Amino acid sequence: MLFMPETPVYLYKMGRGDKADEVLMKLYKPAYIEDKKRELQTEVDNIKLESRDPILMRTKQLFTVYGKCILIGGGLQFWQQFCGINTVMYFGPDIL
């Protein structure tokens, strides 16, 4: 691990673009470096944008991306408690 370079994303985030370019030269063929630079710069910009207000961004993502999953999971938990299946499963061996 002592000889491994820092990741280009981390280096771009810290403002060390020259060192990040050196690492990219080691990792990718010259034909792909410019595309990778643009991709990494977009990723760094998104990270900086999200780090400005992380709670608001995470809350927004929670309800927009995972809203259906939360609704289904909560609905299943409610239905299980409403039906009483956990009681039947727990006391079933004693009753039978």
Protein backbone atom coordinates (compact mmCIF):
# COMPACT_ATOMS: atom_id res chain seq x y z
CA MET A 1 0.00 0.00 0.00
CA LEU A 2 2.95 2.33 0.46
CA PHE A 3 3.56 2.49 -3.28
CA MET A 4 -0.06 2.99 -4.37
CA PRO A 5 -0.98 6.52 -5.46
CA GLU A 6 -3.96 8.46 -4.18
CA THR A 7 -7.12 8.20 -6.26
CA PRO A 8 -7.59 10.83 -8.96
CA VAL A 9 -10.97 11.82 -7.51
CA TYR A 10 -9.38 12.58 -4.15
CA LEU A 11 -6.56 14.53 -5.77
CA TYR A 12 -8.96 16.61 -7.88
CA LYS A 13 -11.09 17.26 -4.81
CA MET A 14 -8.04 18.51 -2.91
CA GLY A 15 -7.07 20.79 -5.81
CA ARG A 16 -4.01 18.82 -6.89
CA GLY A 17 -4.93 18.41 -10.55
CA ASP A 18 -1.33 18.00 -11.75
CA LYS A 19 -0.77 14.98 -9.50
CA ALA A 20 -4.17 13.57 -10.51
CA ASP A 21 -3.16 13.86 -14.17
CA GLU A 22 0.02 11.88 -13.45
CA VAL A 23 -2.01 9.13 -11.80
CA LEU A 24 -4.42 9.05 -14.75
CA MET A 25 -1.47 8.68 -17.14
CA LYS A 26 -0.43 5.57 -15.22
CA LEU A 27 -3.92 4.08 -15.15
CA TYR A 28 -5.35 4.76 -18.63
CA LYS A 29 -4.26 4.82 -22.24
CA PRO A 30 -3.61 8.31 -23.65
CA ALA A 31 -6.68 8.11 -25.90
CA TYR A 32 -9.01 7.86 -22.90
CA ILE A 33 -7.42 10.39 -20.56
CA GLU A 34 -9.38 13.48 -21.66
CA ASP A 35 -12.72 11.66 -21.38
CA LYS A 36 -11.75 10.35 -17.97
CA LYS A 37 -10.70 13.84 -16.82
CA ARG A 38 -14.11 15.25 -17.76
CA GLU A 39 -15.85 12.34 -16.05
CA LEU A 40 -13.83 12.77 -12.87
CA GLN A 41 -14.30 16.53 -12.85
CA THR A 42 -18.08 16.03 -13.09
CA GLU A 43 -17.91 13.55 -10.22
CA VAL A 44 -15.87 15.96 -8.09
CA ASP A 45 -18.30 18.80 -8.84
CA ASN A 46 -21.21 16.57 -7.74
CA ILE A 47 -19.38 15.61 -4.55
CA LYS A 48 -18.70 19.26 -3.72
CA LEU A 49 -22.32 20.16 -4.44
CA GLU A 50 -23.64 17.40 -2.19
CA SER A 51 -21.23 18.24 0.60
CA ARG A 52 -22.63 21.78 0.87
CA ASP A 53 -25.92 20.59 2.33
CA PRO A 54 -25.68 16.85 2.90
CA ILE A 55 -28.78 16.45 5.07
CA LEU A 56 -31.08 18.14 2.57
CA MET A 57 -29.64 16.19 -0.37
CA ARG A 58 -29.88 12.85 1.45
CA THR A 59 -33.44 13.53 2.58
CA LYS A 60 -34.43 14.50 -0.96
CA GLN A 61 -32.78 11.37 -2.35
CA LEU A 62 -34.43 9.21 0.29
CA PHE A 63 -37.93 10.18 -0.74
CA THR A 64 -37.41 10.50 -4.49
CA VAL A 65 -35.29 7.44 -5.20
CA TYR A 66 -36.31 5.09 -2.40
CA GLY A 67 -39.87 6.28 -1.80
CA LYS A 68 -41.52 3.18 -3.24
CA CYS A 69 -39.23 0.88 -1.26
CA ILE A 70 -40.04 2.68 1.98
CA LEU A 71 -43.76 2.54 1.23
CA ILE A 72 -43.66 -1.19 0.43
CA GLY A 73 -41.50 -2.02 3.46
CA GLY A 74 -43.64 0.03 5.83
CA GLY A 75 -46.81 -1.42 4.35
CA LEU A 76 -45.58 -4.98 4.85
CA GLN A 77 -44.66 -4.26 8.46
CA PHE A 78 -48.07 -2.72 9.11
CA TRP A 79 -49.86 -5.64 7.47
CA GLN A 80 -47.88 -8.17 9.51
CA GLN A 81 -48.79 -6.43 12.77
CA PHE A 82 -52.41 -5.91 11.71
CA CYS A 83 -52.93 -9.57 10.82
CA GLY A 84 -51.25 -10.86 13.97
CA ILE A 85 -49.14 -13.41 12.14
CA ASN A 86 -46.24 -12.81 14.51
CA THR A 87 -48.44 -13.95 17.42
CA VAL A 88 -49.45 -17.10 15.58
CA MET A 89 -45.82 -17.85 14.69
CA TYR A 90 -44.65 -17.28 18.28
CA PHE A 91 -47.42 -19.17 20.10
CA GLY A 92 -48.10 -21.76 17.36
CA PRO A 93 -45.99 -24.55 18.87
CA ASP A 94 -47.62 -24.07 22.29
CA ILE A 95 -51.13 -24.04 20.87
CA LEU A 96 -50.64 -27.05 18.59
